[in-house]
Amino acid sequence: MKKSRYKSKFEAAVSRVLPRGTKYEAVALPYTLELLYTPDWRVERKGALPIYIETTGKFEYEKRRKLLAVKRAHPTLDLRICFQRDNRIRKGAKMTNMQWAAKHGFRATVFPKLPLD
C-alpha cells in the first residue's frame, strides 16, 4: 500500500478537489502564545533580586519547553530548578535532567540540595 504524503484521509480528499498547483504545507508560520507561568517558589534576598525555583519530579517535554520560553521572555530572571532525581530526560536518552539544565544555562540541583548558592 502506497503511503500518503498527507496526514489524514480527509486532507487527501481535500487535495483532490483543490485547484491544480495548490501546495500542501508549503510554508511554516511562526506564532507566539501568551501564557502565564507561576514558579513554585520565590526566595527573597536582601539587597538582591529574588531567586525563583521550579521543583519537578517528571521533567517532561512540555515543562522543558515552558522553562525555555520563560527564560527567553525574562532573560534577567534568576530561575533555578530543583529536581527530585537526576533521571534521563526521556526513555532511551543519554542526557540527564542536570545535563539538560546545564546545557540551557539553568542553575539546578537534585533534592535534598537546594539551588540557593
PDB file of N, CA and C in Angstrom:
ATOM      1  N   MET A   1       0.835  -1.178   0.000  1.00  0.00           N
ATOM      2  CA  MET A   1       0.000   0.000   0.000  1.00  0.00           C
ATOM      3  C   MET A   1       0.882   1.245   0.000  1.00  0.00           C
ATOM      4  N   LYS A   2       0.594   2.178  -0.871  1.00  0.00           N
ATOM      5  CA  LYS A   2       1.368   3.398  -1.011  1.00  0.00           C
ATOM      6  C   LYS A   2       1.076   4.338   0.162  1.00  0.00           C
ATOM      7  N   LYS A   3       2.149   4.881   0.756  1.00  0.00           N
ATOM      8  CA  LYS A   3       1.994   5.804   1.881  1.00  0.00           C
ATOM      9  C   LYS A   3       1.612   7.180   1.340  1.00  0.00           C
ATOM     10  N   SER A   4       0.586   7.782   1.935  1.00  0.00           N
ATOM     11  CA  SER A   4       0.130   9.105   1.532  1.00  0.00           C
ATOM     12  C   SER A   4       1.058  10.175   2.083  1.00  0.00           C
ATOM     13  N   ARG A   5       1.210  11.268   1.379  1.00  0.00           N
ATOM     14  CA  ARG A   5       2.008  12.375   1.893  1.00  0.00           C
ATOM     15  C   ARG A   5       1.186  13.266   2.808  1.00  0.00           C
ATOM     16  N   TYR A   6      -0.098  12.993   2.895  1.00  0.00           N
ATOM     17  CA  TYR A   6      -0.980  13.775   3.759  1.00  0.00           C
ATOM     18  C   TYR A   6      -1.113  13.112   5.121  1.00  0.00           C
ATOM     19  N   LYS A   7      -1.479  13.898   6.125  1.00  0.00           N
ATOM     20  CA  LYS A   7      -1.577  13.391   7.486  1.00  0.00           C
ATOM     21  C   LYS A   7      -2.874  12.650   7.757  1.00  0.00           C
ATOM     22  N   SER A   8      -3.852  12.822   6.894  1.00  0.00           N
ATOM     23  CA  SER A   8      -5.121  12.146   7.105  1.00  0.00           C
ATOM     24  C   SER A   8      -5.797  11.883   5.763  1.00  0.00           C
ATOM     25  N   LYS A   9      -6.771  11.001   5.793  1.00  0.00           N
ATOM     26  CA  LYS A   9      -7.561  10.727   4.586  1.00  0.00           C
ATOM     27  C   LYS A   9      -8.362  11.963   4.185  1.00  0.00           C
ATOM     28  N   PHE A  10      -8.780  12.734   5.190  1.00  0.00           N
ATOM     29  CA  PHE A  10      -9.519  13.957   4.899  1.00  0.00           C
ATOM     30  C   PHE A  10      -8.655  14.945   4.113  1.00  0.00           C
ATOM     31  N   GLU A  11      -7.401  15.149   4.526  1.00  0.00           N
ATOM     32  CA  GLU A  11      -6.511  16.052   3.794  1.00  0.00           C
ATOM     33  C   GLU A  11      -6.303  15.552   2.365  1.00  0.00           C
ATOM     34  N   ALA A  12      -6.170  14.254   2.204  1.00  0.00           N
ATOM     35  CA  ALA A  12      -6.008  13.688   0.853  1.00  0.00           C
ATOM     36  C   ALA A  12      -7.239  13.962   0.001  1.00  0.00           C
ATOM     37  N   ALA A  13      -8.420  13.834   0.596  1.00  0.00           N
ATOM     38  CA  ALA A  13      -9.660  14.094  -0.143  1.00  0.00           C
ATOM     39  C   ALA A  13      -9.751  15.560  -0.548  1.00  0.00           C
ATOM     40  N   VAL A  14      -9.380  16.463   0.364  1.00  0.00           N
ATOM     41  CA  VAL A  14      -9.416  17.890   0.044  1.00  0.00           C
ATOM     42  C   VAL A  14      -8.426  18.191  -1.085  1.00  0.00           C
ATOM     43  N   SER A  15      -7.259  17.557  -1.055  1.00  0.00           N
ATOM     44  CA  SER A  15      -6.248  17.815  -2.088  1.00  0.00           C
ATOM     45  C   SER A  15      -6.758  17.492  -3.488  1.00  0.00           C
ATOM     46  N   ARG A  16      -7.657  16.515  -3.569  1.00  0.00           N
ATOM     47  CA  ARG A  16      -8.171  16.099  -4.885  1.00  0.00           C
ATOM     48  C   ARG A  16      -9.161  17.104  -5.482  1.00  0.00           C
ATOM     49  N   VAL A  17      -9.704  18.019  -4.685  1.00  0.00           N
ATOM     50  CA  VAL A  17     -10.684  18.976  -5.214  1.00  0.00           C
ATOM     51  C   VAL A  17     -10.151  20.412  -5.251  1.00  0.00           C
ATOM     52  N   LEU A  18      -8.959  20.634  -4.733  1.00  0.00           N
ATOM     53  CA  LEU A  18      -8.355  21.960  -4.800  1.00  0.00           C
ATOM     54  C   LEU A  18      -7.814  22.224  -6.204  1.00  0.00           C
ATOM     55  N   PRO A  19      -7.651  23.501  -6.574  1.00  0.00           N
ATOM     56  CA  PRO A  19      -7.113  23.827  -7.905  1.00  0.00           C
ATOM     57  C   PRO A  19      -5.700  23.261  -8.096  1.00  0.00           C
ATOM     58  N   ARG A  20      -5.367  22.916  -9.344  1.00  0.00           N
ATOM     59  CA  ARG A  20      -4.028  22.432  -9.667  1.00  0.00           C
ATOM     60  C   ARG A  20      -2.993  23.457  -9.244  1.00  0.00           C
ATOM     61  N   GLY A  21      -1.850  22.980  -8.771  1.00  0.00           N
ATOM     62  CA  GLY A  21      -0.775  23.875  -8.362  1.00  0.00           C
ATOM     63  C   GLY A  21      -0.854  24.299  -6.895  1.00  0.00           C
ATOM     64  N   THR A  22      -1.946  23.936  -6.225  1.00  0.00           N
ATOM     65  CA  THR A  22      -2.044  24.256  -4.808  1.00  0.00           C
ATOM     66  C   THR A  22      -0.999  23.436  -4.063  1.00  0.00           C
ATOM     67  N   LYS A  23      -0.261  24.090  -3.201  1.00  0.00           N
ATOM     68  CA  LYS A  23       0.834  23.419  -2.491  1.00  0.00           C
ATOM     69  C   LYS A  23       0.395  23.017  -1.083  1.00  0.00           C
ATOM     70  N   TYR A  24       0.784  21.827  -0.685  1.00  0.00           N
ATOM     71  CA  TYR A  24       0.467  21.289   0.649  1.00  0.00           C
ATOM     72  C   TYR A  24       1.592  21.624   1.615  1.00  0.00           C
ATOM     73  N   GLU A  25       1.250  22.234   2.742  1.00  0.00           N
ATOM     74  CA  GLU A  25       2.202  22.599   3.794  1.00  0.00           C
ATOM     75  C   GLU A  25       3.451  23.264   3.218  1.00  0.00           C
ATOM     76  N   ALA A  26       3.229  24.292   2.405  1.00  0.00           N
ATOM     77  CA  ALA A  26       4.322  24.946   1.689  1.00  0.00           C
ATOM     78  C   ALA A  26       5.042  26.005   2.514  1.00  0.00           C
ATOM     79  N   VAL A  27       4.459  26.427   3.620  1.00  0.00           N
ATOM     80  CA  VAL A  27       5.068  27.488   4.418  1.00  0.00           C
ATOM     81  C   VAL A  27       4.862  27.189   5.904  1.00  0.00           C
ATOM     82  N   ALA A  28       5.834  27.567   6.713  1.00  0.00           N
ATOM     83  CA  ALA A  28       5.716  27.452   8.171  1.00  0.00           C
ATOM     84  C   ALA A  28       5.629  28.865   8.741  1.00  0.00           C
ATOM     85  N   LEU A  29       4.579  29.153   9.487  1.00  0.00           N
ATOM     86  CA  LEU A  29       4.347  30.488  10.021  1.00  0.00           C
ATOM     87  C   LEU A  29       4.597  30.507  11.525  1.00  0.00           C
ATOM     88  N   PRO A  30       5.522  31.343  11.978  1.00  0.00           N
ATOM     89  CA  PRO A  30       5.782  31.402  13.418  1.00  0.00           C
ATOM     90  C   PRO A  30       4.613  32.056  14.148  1.00  0.00           C
ATOM     91  N   TYR A  31       4.424  31.678  15.407  1.00  0.00           N
ATOM     92  CA  TYR A  31       3.405  32.318  16.231  1.00  0.00           C
ATOM     93  C   TYR A  31       3.836  32.268  17.687  1.00  0.00           C
ATOM     94  N   THR A  32       3.227  33.124  18.475  1.00  0.00           N
ATOM     95  CA  THR A  32       3.546  33.219  19.889  1.00  0.00           C
ATOM     96  C   THR A  32       2.274  33.018  20.690  1.00  0.00           C
ATOM     97  N   LEU A  33       2.376  32.261  21.768  1.00  0.00           N
ATOM     98  CA  LEU A  33       1.258  32.084  22.682  1.00  0.00           C
ATOM     99  C   LEU A  33       1.509  32.941  23.920  1.00  0.00           C
ATOM    100  N   GLU A  34       0.502  33.669  24.357  1.00  0.00           N
ATOM    101  CA  GLU A  34       0.597  34.459  25.591  1.00  0.00           C
ATOM    102  C   GLU A  34       0.085  33.584  26.726  1.00  0.00           C
ATOM    103  N   LEU A  35       0.985  33.139  27.584  1.00  0.00           N
ATOM    104  CA  LEU A  35       0.618  32.290  28.704  1.00  0.00           C
ATOM    105  C   LEU A  35       1.216  32.866  29.979  1.00  0.00           C
ATOM    106  N   LEU A  36       0.782  32.369  31.105  1.00  0.00           N
ATOM    107  CA  LEU A  36       1.345  32.784  32.386  1.00  0.00           C
ATOM    108  C   LEU A  36       2.073  31.609  33.018  1.00  0.00           C
ATOM    109  N   TYR A  37       3.198  31.904  33.632  1.00  0.00           N
ATOM    110  CA  TYR A  37       3.990  30.901  34.332  1.00  0.00           C
ATOM    111  C   TYR A  37       4.039  31.277  35.799  1.00  0.00           C
ATOM    112  N   THR A  38       3.760  30.340  36.669  1.00  0.00           N
ATOM    113  CA  THR A  38       3.835  30.560  38.111  1.00  0.00           C
ATOM    114  C   THR A  38       4.930  29.663  38.674  1.00  0.00           C
ATOM    115  N   PRO A  39       6.084  30.259  39.037  1.00  0.00           N
ATOM    116  CA  PRO A  39       7.152  29.448  39.626  1.00  0.00           C
ATOM    117  C   PRO A  39       6.685  28.866  40.959  1.00  0.00           C
ATOM    118  N   ASP A  40       7.252  27.731  41.331  1.00  0.00           N
ATOM    119  CA  ASP A  40       6.857  27.100  42.589  1.00  0.00           C
ATOM    120  C   ASP A  40       7.256  27.932  43.802  1.00  0.00           C
ATOM    121  N   TRP A  41       8.450  28.510  43.770  1.00  0.00           N
ATOM    122  CA  TRP A  41       8.970  29.209  44.940  1.00  0.00           C
ATOM    123  C   TRP A  41       9.620  30.522  44.542  1.00  0.00           C
ATOM    124  N   ARG A  42       9.481  31.531  45.422  1.00  0.00           N
ATOM    125  CA  ARG A  42      10.181  32.818  45.277  1.00  0.00           C
ATOM    126  C   ARG A  42      10.957  33.024  46.566  1.00  0.00           C
ATOM    127  N   VAL A  43      12.280  33.077  46.470  1.00  0.00           N
ATOM    128  CA  VAL A  43      13.148  33.246  47.628  1.00  0.00           C
ATOM    129  C   VAL A  43      13.673  34.685  47.604  1.00  0.00           C
ATOM    130  N   GLU A  44      13.259  35.460  48.608  1.00  0.00           N
ATOM    131  CA  GLU A  44      13.711  36.853  48.713  1.00  0.00           C
ATOM    132  C   GLU A  44      15.149  36.896  49.223  1.00  0.00           C
ATOM    133  N   ARG A  45      15.926  37.855  48.718  1.00  0.00           N
ATOM    134  CA  ARG A  45      17.311  38.036  49.154  1.00  0.00           C
ATOM    135  C   ARG A  45      17.534  39.511  49.461  1.00  0.00           C
ATOM    136  N   LYS A  46      18.143  39.785  50.574  1.00  0.00           N
ATOM    137  CA  LYS A  46      18.419  41.152  50.975  1.00  0.00           C
ATOM    138  C   LYS A  46      19.429  41.777  50.017  1.00  0.00           C
ATOM    139  N   GLY A  47      19.037  42.889  49.407  1.00  0.00           N
ATOM    140  CA  GLY A  47      19.938  43.611  48.512  1.00  0.00           C
ATOM    141  C   GLY A  47      20.152  42.953  47.163  1.00  0.00           C
ATOM    142  N   ALA A  48      19.343  41.958  46.815  1.00  0.00           N
ATOM    143  CA  ALA A  48      19.499  41.276  45.512  1.00  0.00           C
ATOM    144  C   ALA A  48      18.124  40.895  44.975  1.00  0.00           C
ATOM    145  N   LEU A  49      18.098  40.611  43.704  1.00  0.00           N
ATOM    146  CA  LEU A  49      16.845  40.156  43.094  1.00  0.00           C
ATOM    147  C   LEU A  49      16.460  38.791  43.654  1.00  0.00           C
ATOM    148  N   PRO A  50      15.174  38.478  43.664  1.00  0.00           N
ATOM    149  CA  PRO A  50      14.754  37.177  44.191  1.00  0.00           C
ATOM    150  C   PRO A  50      15.202  36.024  43.299  1.00  0.00           C
ATOM    151  N   ILE A  51      15.251  34.853  43.903  1.00  0.00           N
ATOM    152  CA  ILE A  51      15.507  33.607  43.174  1.00  0.00           C
ATOM    153  C   ILE A  51      14.162  32.907  43.023  1.00  0.00           C
ATOM    154  N   TYR A  52      13.894  32.409  41.823  1.00  0.00           N
ATOM    155  CA  TYR A  52      12.689  31.615  41.578  1.00  0.00           C
ATOM    156  C   TYR A  52      13.126  30.163  41.398  1.00  0.00           C
ATOM    157  N   ILE A  53      12.422  29.261  42.061  1.00  0.00           N
ATOM    158  CA  ILE A  53      12.787  27.844  41.989  1.00  0.00           C
ATOM    159  C   ILE A  53      11.608  27.041  41.464  1.00  0.00           C
ATOM    160  N   GLU A  54      11.881  26.250  40.452  1.00  0.00           N
ATOM    161  CA  GLU A  54      10.907  25.289  39.919  1.00  0.00           C
ATOM    162  C   GLU A  54      11.306  23.918  40.441  1.00  0.00           C
ATOM    163  N   THR A  55      10.403  23.259  41.157  1.00  0.00           N
ATOM    164  CA  THR A  55      10.667  21.897  41.625  1.00  0.00           C
ATOM    165  C   THR A  55       9.948  20.942  40.689  1.00  0.00           C
ATOM    166  N   THR A  56      10.612  19.849  40.352  1.00  0.00           N
ATOM    167  CA  THR A  56       9.999  18.942  39.389  1.00  0.00           C
ATOM    168  C   THR A  56      10.429  17.500  39.616  1.00  0.00           C
ATOM    169  N   GLY A  57       9.455  16.613  39.505  1.00  0.00           N
ATOM    170  CA  GLY A  57       9.719  15.181  39.533  1.00  0.00           C
ATOM    171  C   GLY A  57       9.936  14.729  38.103  1.00  0.00           C
ATOM    172  N   LYS A  58       8.840  14.476  37.399  1.00  0.00           N
ATOM    173  CA  LYS A  58       8.938  14.137  35.972  1.00  0.00           C
ATOM    174  C   LYS A  58       9.257  15.412  35.204  1.00  0.00           C
ATOM    175  N   PHE A  59      10.302  15.365  34.422  1.00  0.00           N
ATOM    176  CA  PHE A  59      10.733  16.545  33.671  1.00  0.00           C
ATOM    177  C   PHE A  59      10.406  16.327  32.204  1.00  0.00           C
ATOM    178  N   GLU A  60       9.129  16.360  31.898  1.00  0.00           N
ATOM    179  CA  GLU A  60       8.659  16.034  30.553  1.00  0.00           C
ATOM    180  C   GLU A  60       8.879  17.182  29.577  1.00  0.00           C
ATOM    181  N   TYR A  61       8.716  16.868  28.309  1.00  0.00           N
ATOM    182  CA  TYR A  61       8.972  17.802  27.218  1.00  0.00           C
ATOM    183  C   TYR A  61       8.257  19.135  27.424  1.00  0.00           C
ATOM    184  N   GLU A  62       6.986  19.103  27.787  1.00  0.00           N
ATOM    185  CA  GLU A  62       6.222  20.346  27.928  1.00  0.00           C
ATOM    186  C   GLU A  62       6.812  21.252  28.999  1.00  0.00           C
ATOM    187  N   LYS A  63       7.286  20.695  30.090  1.00  0.00           N
ATOM    188  CA  LYS A  63       7.893  21.524  31.142  1.00  0.00           C
ATOM    189  C   LYS A  63       9.226  22.092  30.655  1.00  0.00           C
ATOM    190  N   ARG A  64      10.017  21.288  29.958  1.00  0.00           N
ATOM    191  CA  ARG A  64      11.287  21.792  29.417  1.00  0.00           C
ATOM    192  C   ARG A  64      11.025  22.937  28.440  1.00  0.00           C
ATOM    193  N   ARG A  65      10.050  22.742  27.589  1.00  0.00           N
ATOM    194  CA  ARG A  65       9.681  23.762  26.595  1.00  0.00           C
ATOM    195  C   ARG A  65       9.225  25.037  27.286  1.00  0.00           C
ATOM    196  N   LYS A  66       8.399  24.907  28.317  1.00  0.00           N
ATOM    197  CA  LYS A  66       7.885  26.056  29.057  1.00  0.00           C
ATOM    198  C   LYS A  66       9.027  26.825  29.721  1.00  0.00           C
ATOM    199  N   LEU A  67       9.951  26.117  30.375  1.00  0.00           N
ATOM    200  CA  LEU A  67      11.056  26.800  31.051  1.00  0.00           C
ATOM    201  C   LEU A  67      11.946  27.551  30.066  1.00  0.00           C
ATOM    202  N   LEU A  68      12.174  26.977  28.898  1.00  0.00           N
ATOM    203  CA  LEU A  68      12.961  27.678  27.879  1.00  0.00           C
ATOM    204  C   LEU A  68      12.237  28.934  27.394  1.00  0.00           C
ATOM    205  N   ALA A  69      10.920  28.851  27.235  1.00  0.00           N
ATOM    206  CA  ALA A  69      10.136  30.012  26.796  1.00  0.00           C
ATOM    207  C   ALA A  69      10.145  31.110  27.856  1.00  0.00           C
ATOM    208  N   VAL A  70      10.035  30.731  29.128  1.00  0.00           N
ATOM    209  CA  VAL A  70      10.085  31.715  30.219  1.00  0.00           C
ATOM    210  C   VAL A  70      11.460  32.383  30.246  1.00  0.00           C
ATOM    211  N   LYS A  71      12.499  31.600  30.069  1.00  0.00           N
ATOM    212  CA  LYS A  71      13.864  32.149  30.064  1.00  0.00           C
ATOM    213  C   LYS A  71      14.053  33.136  28.908  1.00  0.00           C
ATOM    214  N   ARG A  72      13.504  32.818  27.741  1.00  0.00           N
ATOM    215  CA  ARG A  72      13.591  33.729  26.595  1.00  0.00           C
ATOM    216  C   ARG A  72      12.815  35.020  26.872  1.00  0.00           C
ATOM    217  N   ALA A  73      11.642  34.904  27.491  1.00  0.00           N
ATOM    218  CA  ALA A  73      10.797  36.070  27.757  1.00  0.00           C
ATOM    219  C   ALA A  73      11.337  36.934  28.894  1.00  0.00           C
ATOM    220  N   HIS A  74      12.072  36.327  29.825  1.00  0.00           N
ATOM    221  CA  HIS A  74      12.593  37.028  31.004  1.00  0.00           C
ATOM    222  C   HIS A  74      14.070  36.671  31.208  1.00  0.00           C
ATOM    223  N   PRO A  75      14.951  37.162  30.339  1.00  0.00           N
ATOM    224  CA  PRO A  75      16.357  36.736  30.383  1.00  0.00           C
ATOM    225  C   PRO A  75      17.090  37.124  31.666  1.00  0.00           C
ATOM    226  N   THR A  76      16.618  38.111  32.417  1.00  0.00           N
ATOM    227  CA  THR A  76      17.310  38.511  33.641  1.00  0.00           C
ATOM    228  C   THR A  76      16.752  37.823  34.889  1.00  0.00           C
ATOM    229  N   LEU A  77      15.696  37.046  34.726  1.00  0.00           N
ATOM    230  CA  LEU A  77      15.081  36.334  35.855  1.00  0.00           C
ATOM    231  C   LEU A  77      16.022  35.244  36.359  1.00  0.00           C
ATOM    232  N   ASP A  78      16.201  35.170  37.659  1.00  0.00           N
ATOM    233  CA  ASP A  78      17.053  34.128  38.252  1.00  0.00           C
ATOM    234  C   ASP A  78      16.187  32.900  38.532  1.00  0.00           C
ATOM    235  N   LEU A  79      15.985  32.101  37.507  1.00  0.00           N
ATOM    236  CA  LEU A  79      15.125  30.917  37.577  1.00  0.00           C
ATOM    237  C   LEU A  79      16.000  29.665  37.692  1.00  0.00           C
ATOM    238  N   ARG A  80      15.777  28.907  38.750  1.00  0.00           N
ATOM    239  CA  ARG A  80      16.587  27.717  39.019  1.00  0.00           C
ATOM    240  C   ARG A  80      15.679  26.501  39.150  1.00  0.00           C
ATOM    241  N   ILE A  81      16.271  25.319  39.017  1.00  0.00           N
ATOM    242  CA  ILE A  81      15.491  24.082  39.042  1.00  0.00           C
ATOM    243  C   ILE A  81      16.000  23.170  40.152  1.00  0.00           C
ATOM    244  N   CYS A  82      15.057  22.569  40.876  1.00  0.00           N
ATOM    245  CA  CYS A  82      15.384  21.544  41.870  1.00  0.00           C
ATOM    246  C   CYS A  82      14.697  20.255  41.424  1.00  0.00           C
ATOM    247  N   PHE A  83      15.500  19.289  40.992  1.00  0.00           N
ATOM    248  CA  PHE A  83      14.961  18.016  40.520  1.00  0.00           C
ATOM    249  C   PHE A  83      14.776  17.045  41.679  1.00  0.00           C
ATOM    250  N   GLN A  84      13.753  16.221  41.575  1.00  0.00           N
ATOM    251  CA  GLN A  84      13.569  15.160  42.562  1.00  0.00           C
ATOM    252  C   GLN A  84      14.656  14.109  42.389  1.00  0.00           C
ATOM    253  N   ARG A  85      14.962  13.798  41.124  1.00  0.00           N
ATOM    254  CA  ARG A  85      16.018  12.843  40.777  1.00  0.00           C
ATOM    255  C   ARG A  85      16.692  13.313  39.488  1.00  0.00           C
ATOM    256  N   ASP A  86      17.905  12.860  39.261  1.00  0.00           N
ATOM    257  CA  ASP A  86      18.598  13.196  38.009  1.00  0.00           C
ATOM    258  C   ASP A  86      18.375  12.079  36.994  1.00  0.00           C
ATOM    259  N   ASN A  87      17.135  11.928  36.575  1.00  0.00           N
ATOM    260  CA  ASN A  87      16.772  10.913  35.578  1.00  0.00           C
ATOM    261  C   ASN A  87      17.182  11.353  34.186  1.00  0.00           C
ATOM    262  N   ARG A  88      17.079  10.430  33.257  1.00  0.00           N
ATOM    263  CA  ARG A  88      17.243  10.779  31.848  1.00  0.00           C
ATOM    264  C   ARG A  88      16.009  11.582  31.431  1.00  0.00           C
ATOM    265  N   ILE A  89      16.187  12.520  30.474  1.00  0.00           N
ATOM    266  CA  ILE A  89      15.076  13.401  30.119  1.00  0.00           C
ATOM    267  C   ILE A  89      13.926  12.662  29.431  1.00  0.00           C
ATOM    268  N   ARG A  90      14.227  11.518  28.867  1.00  0.00           N
ATOM    269  CA  ARG A  90      13.170  10.643  28.315  1.00  0.00           C
ATOM    270  C   ARG A  90      13.763   9.251  28.175  1.00  0.00           C
ATOM    271  N   LYS A  91      12.916   8.282  28.045  1.00  0.00           N
ATOM    272  CA  LYS A  91      13.356   6.893  27.915  1.00  0.00           C
ATOM    273  C   LYS A  91      14.290   6.757  26.702  1.00  0.00           C
ATOM    274  N   GLY A  92      15.429   6.150  26.919  1.00  0.00           N
ATOM    275  CA  GLY A  92      16.383   5.922  25.830  1.00  0.00           C
ATOM    276  C   GLY A  92      17.336   7.078  25.576  1.00  0.00           C
ATOM    277  N   ALA A  93      17.128   8.221  26.231  1.00  0.00           N
ATOM    278  CA  ALA A  93      18.006   9.378  26.030  1.00  0.00           C
ATOM    279  C   ALA A  93      19.292   9.209  26.825  1.00  0.00           C
ATOM    280  N   LYS A  94      20.365   9.804  26.335  1.00  0.00           N
ATOM    281  CA  LYS A  94      21.633   9.805  27.075  1.00  0.00           C
ATOM    282  C   LYS A  94      21.682  10.980  28.051  1.00  0.00           C
ATOM    283  N   MET A  95      21.015  12.078  27.715  1.00  0.00           N
ATOM    284  CA  MET A  95      21.061  13.294  28.520  1.00  0.00           C
ATOM    285  C   MET A  95      20.200  13.161  29.778  1.00  0.00           C
ATOM    286  N   THR A  96      20.761  13.625  30.897  1.00  0.00           N
ATOM    287  CA  THR A  96      20.021  13.626  32.159  1.00  0.00           C
ATOM    288  C   THR A  96      19.409  15.012  32.396  1.00  0.00           C
ATOM    289  N   ASN A  97      18.548  15.100  33.400  1.00  0.00           N
ATOM    290  CA  ASN A  97      17.940  16.385  33.756  1.00  0.00           C
ATOM    291  C   ASN A  97      19.001  17.448  34.039  1.00  0.00           C
ATOM    292  N   MET A  98      19.998  17.087  34.852  1.00  0.00           N
ATOM    293  CA  MET A  98      21.051  18.044  35.203  1.00  0.00           C
ATOM    294  C   MET A  98      21.861  18.470  33.977  1.00  0.00           C
ATOM    295  N   GLN A  99      22.118  17.559  33.065  1.00  0.00           N
ATOM    296  CA  GLN A  99      22.842  17.900  31.839  1.00  0.00           C
ATOM    297  C   GLN A  99      22.009  18.855  30.978  1.00  0.00           C
ATOM    298  N   TRP A 100      20.694  18.605  30.905  1.00  0.00           N
ATOM    299  CA  TRP A 100      19.813  19.486  30.151  1.00  0.00           C
ATOM    300  C   TRP A 100      19.848  20.889  30.758  1.00  0.00           C
ATOM    301  N   ALA A 101      19.751  20.979  32.082  1.00  0.00           N
ATOM    302  CA  ALA A 101      19.757  22.277  32.762  1.00  0.00           C
ATOM    303  C   ALA A 101      21.057  23.030  32.467  1.00  0.00           C
ATOM    304  N   ALA A 102      22.190  22.348  32.577  1.00  0.00           N
ATOM    305  CA  ALA A 102      23.485  22.977  32.306  1.00  0.00           C
ATOM    306  C   ALA A 102      23.572  23.440  30.850  1.00  0.00           C
ATOM    307  N   LYS A 103      23.114  22.616  29.945  1.00  0.00           N
ATOM    308  CA  LYS A 103      23.158  22.953  28.516  1.00  0.00           C
ATOM    309  C   LYS A 103      22.382  24.235  28.222  1.00  0.00           C
ATOM    310  N   HIS A 104      21.280  24.441  28.954  1.00  0.00           N
ATOM    311  CA  HIS A 104      20.416  25.591  28.682  1.00  0.00           C
ATOM    312  C   HIS A 104      20.613  26.744  29.673  1.00  0.00           C
ATOM    313  N   GLY A 105      21.671  26.661  30.486  1.00  0.00           N
ATOM    314  CA  GLY A 105      22.033  27.770  31.343  1.00  0.00           C
ATOM    315  C   GLY A 105      21.205  27.935  32.612  1.00  0.00           C
ATOM    316  N   PHE A 106      20.580  26.853  33.078  1.00  0.00           N
ATOM    317  CA  PHE A 106      19.832  26.902  34.333  1.00  0.00           C
ATOM    318  C   PHE A 106      20.717  26.391  35.466  1.00  0.00           C
ATOM    319  N   ARG A 107      20.709  27.082  36.594  1.00  0.00           N
ATOM    320  CA  ARG A 107      21.337  26.536  37.797  1.00  0.00           C
ATOM    321  C   ARG A 107      20.364  25.508  38.343  1.00  0.00           C
ATOM    322  N   ALA A 108      20.874  24.341  38.697  1.00  0.00           N
ATOM    323  CA  ALA A 108      19.991  23.263  39.128  1.00  0.00           C
ATOM    324  C   ALA A 108      20.683  22.383  40.156  1.00  0.00           C
ATOM    325  N   THR A 109      19.847  21.699  40.938  1.00  0.00           N
ATOM    326  CA  THR A 109      20.335  20.755  41.931  1.00  0.00           C
ATOM    327  C   THR A 109      19.385  19.564  41.949  1.00  0.00           C
ATOM    328  N   VAL A 110      19.819  18.538  42.674  1.00  0.00           N
ATOM    329  CA  VAL A 110      18.957  17.373  42.937  1.00  0.00           C
ATOM    330  C   VAL A 110      18.666  17.381  44.435  1.00  0.00           C
ATOM    331  N   PHE A 111      17.392  17.293  44.773  1.00  0.00           N
ATOM    332  CA  PHE A 111      16.966  17.296  46.177  1.00  0.00           C
ATOM    333  C   PHE A 111      17.631  16.148  46.927  1.00  0.00           C
ATOM    334  N   PRO A 112      18.116  16.363  48.155  1.00  0.00           N
ATOM    335  CA  PRO A 112      17.748  17.403  49.081  1.00  0.00           C
ATOM    336  C   PRO A 112      18.555  18.703  48.970  1.00  0.00           C
ATOM    337  N   LYS A 113      19.551  18.761  48.089  1.00  0.00           N
ATOM    338  CA  LYS A 113      20.281  20.024  47.900  1.00  0.00           C
ATOM    339  C   LYS A 113      19.357  21.017  47.201  1.00  0.00           C
ATOM    340  N   LEU A 114      19.392  22.265  47.639  1.00  0.00           N
ATOM    341  CA  LEU A 114      18.575  23.317  47.030  1.00  0.00           C
ATOM    342  C   LEU A 114      19.457  24.260  46.237  1.00  0.00           C
ATOM    343  N   PRO A 115      18.956  24.787  45.131  1.00  0.00           N
ATOM    344  CA  PRO A 115      19.766  25.677  44.277  1.00  0.00           C
ATOM    345  C   PRO A 115      19.810  27.115  44.803  1.00  0.00           C
ATOM    346  N   LEU A 116      20.343  27.277  46.003  1.00  0.00           N
ATOM    347  CA  LEU A 116      20.346  28.603  46.635  1.00  0.00           C
ATOM    348  C   LEU A 116      21.706  29.280  46.622  1.00  0.00           C
ATOM    349  N   ASP A 117      22.775  28.551  46.359  1.00  0.00           N
ATOM    350  CA  ASP A 117      24.093  29.184  46.382  1.00  0.00           C
ATOM    351  C   ASP A 117      24.628  29.383  44.986  1.00  0.00           C
TER     352      ASP A 117
END
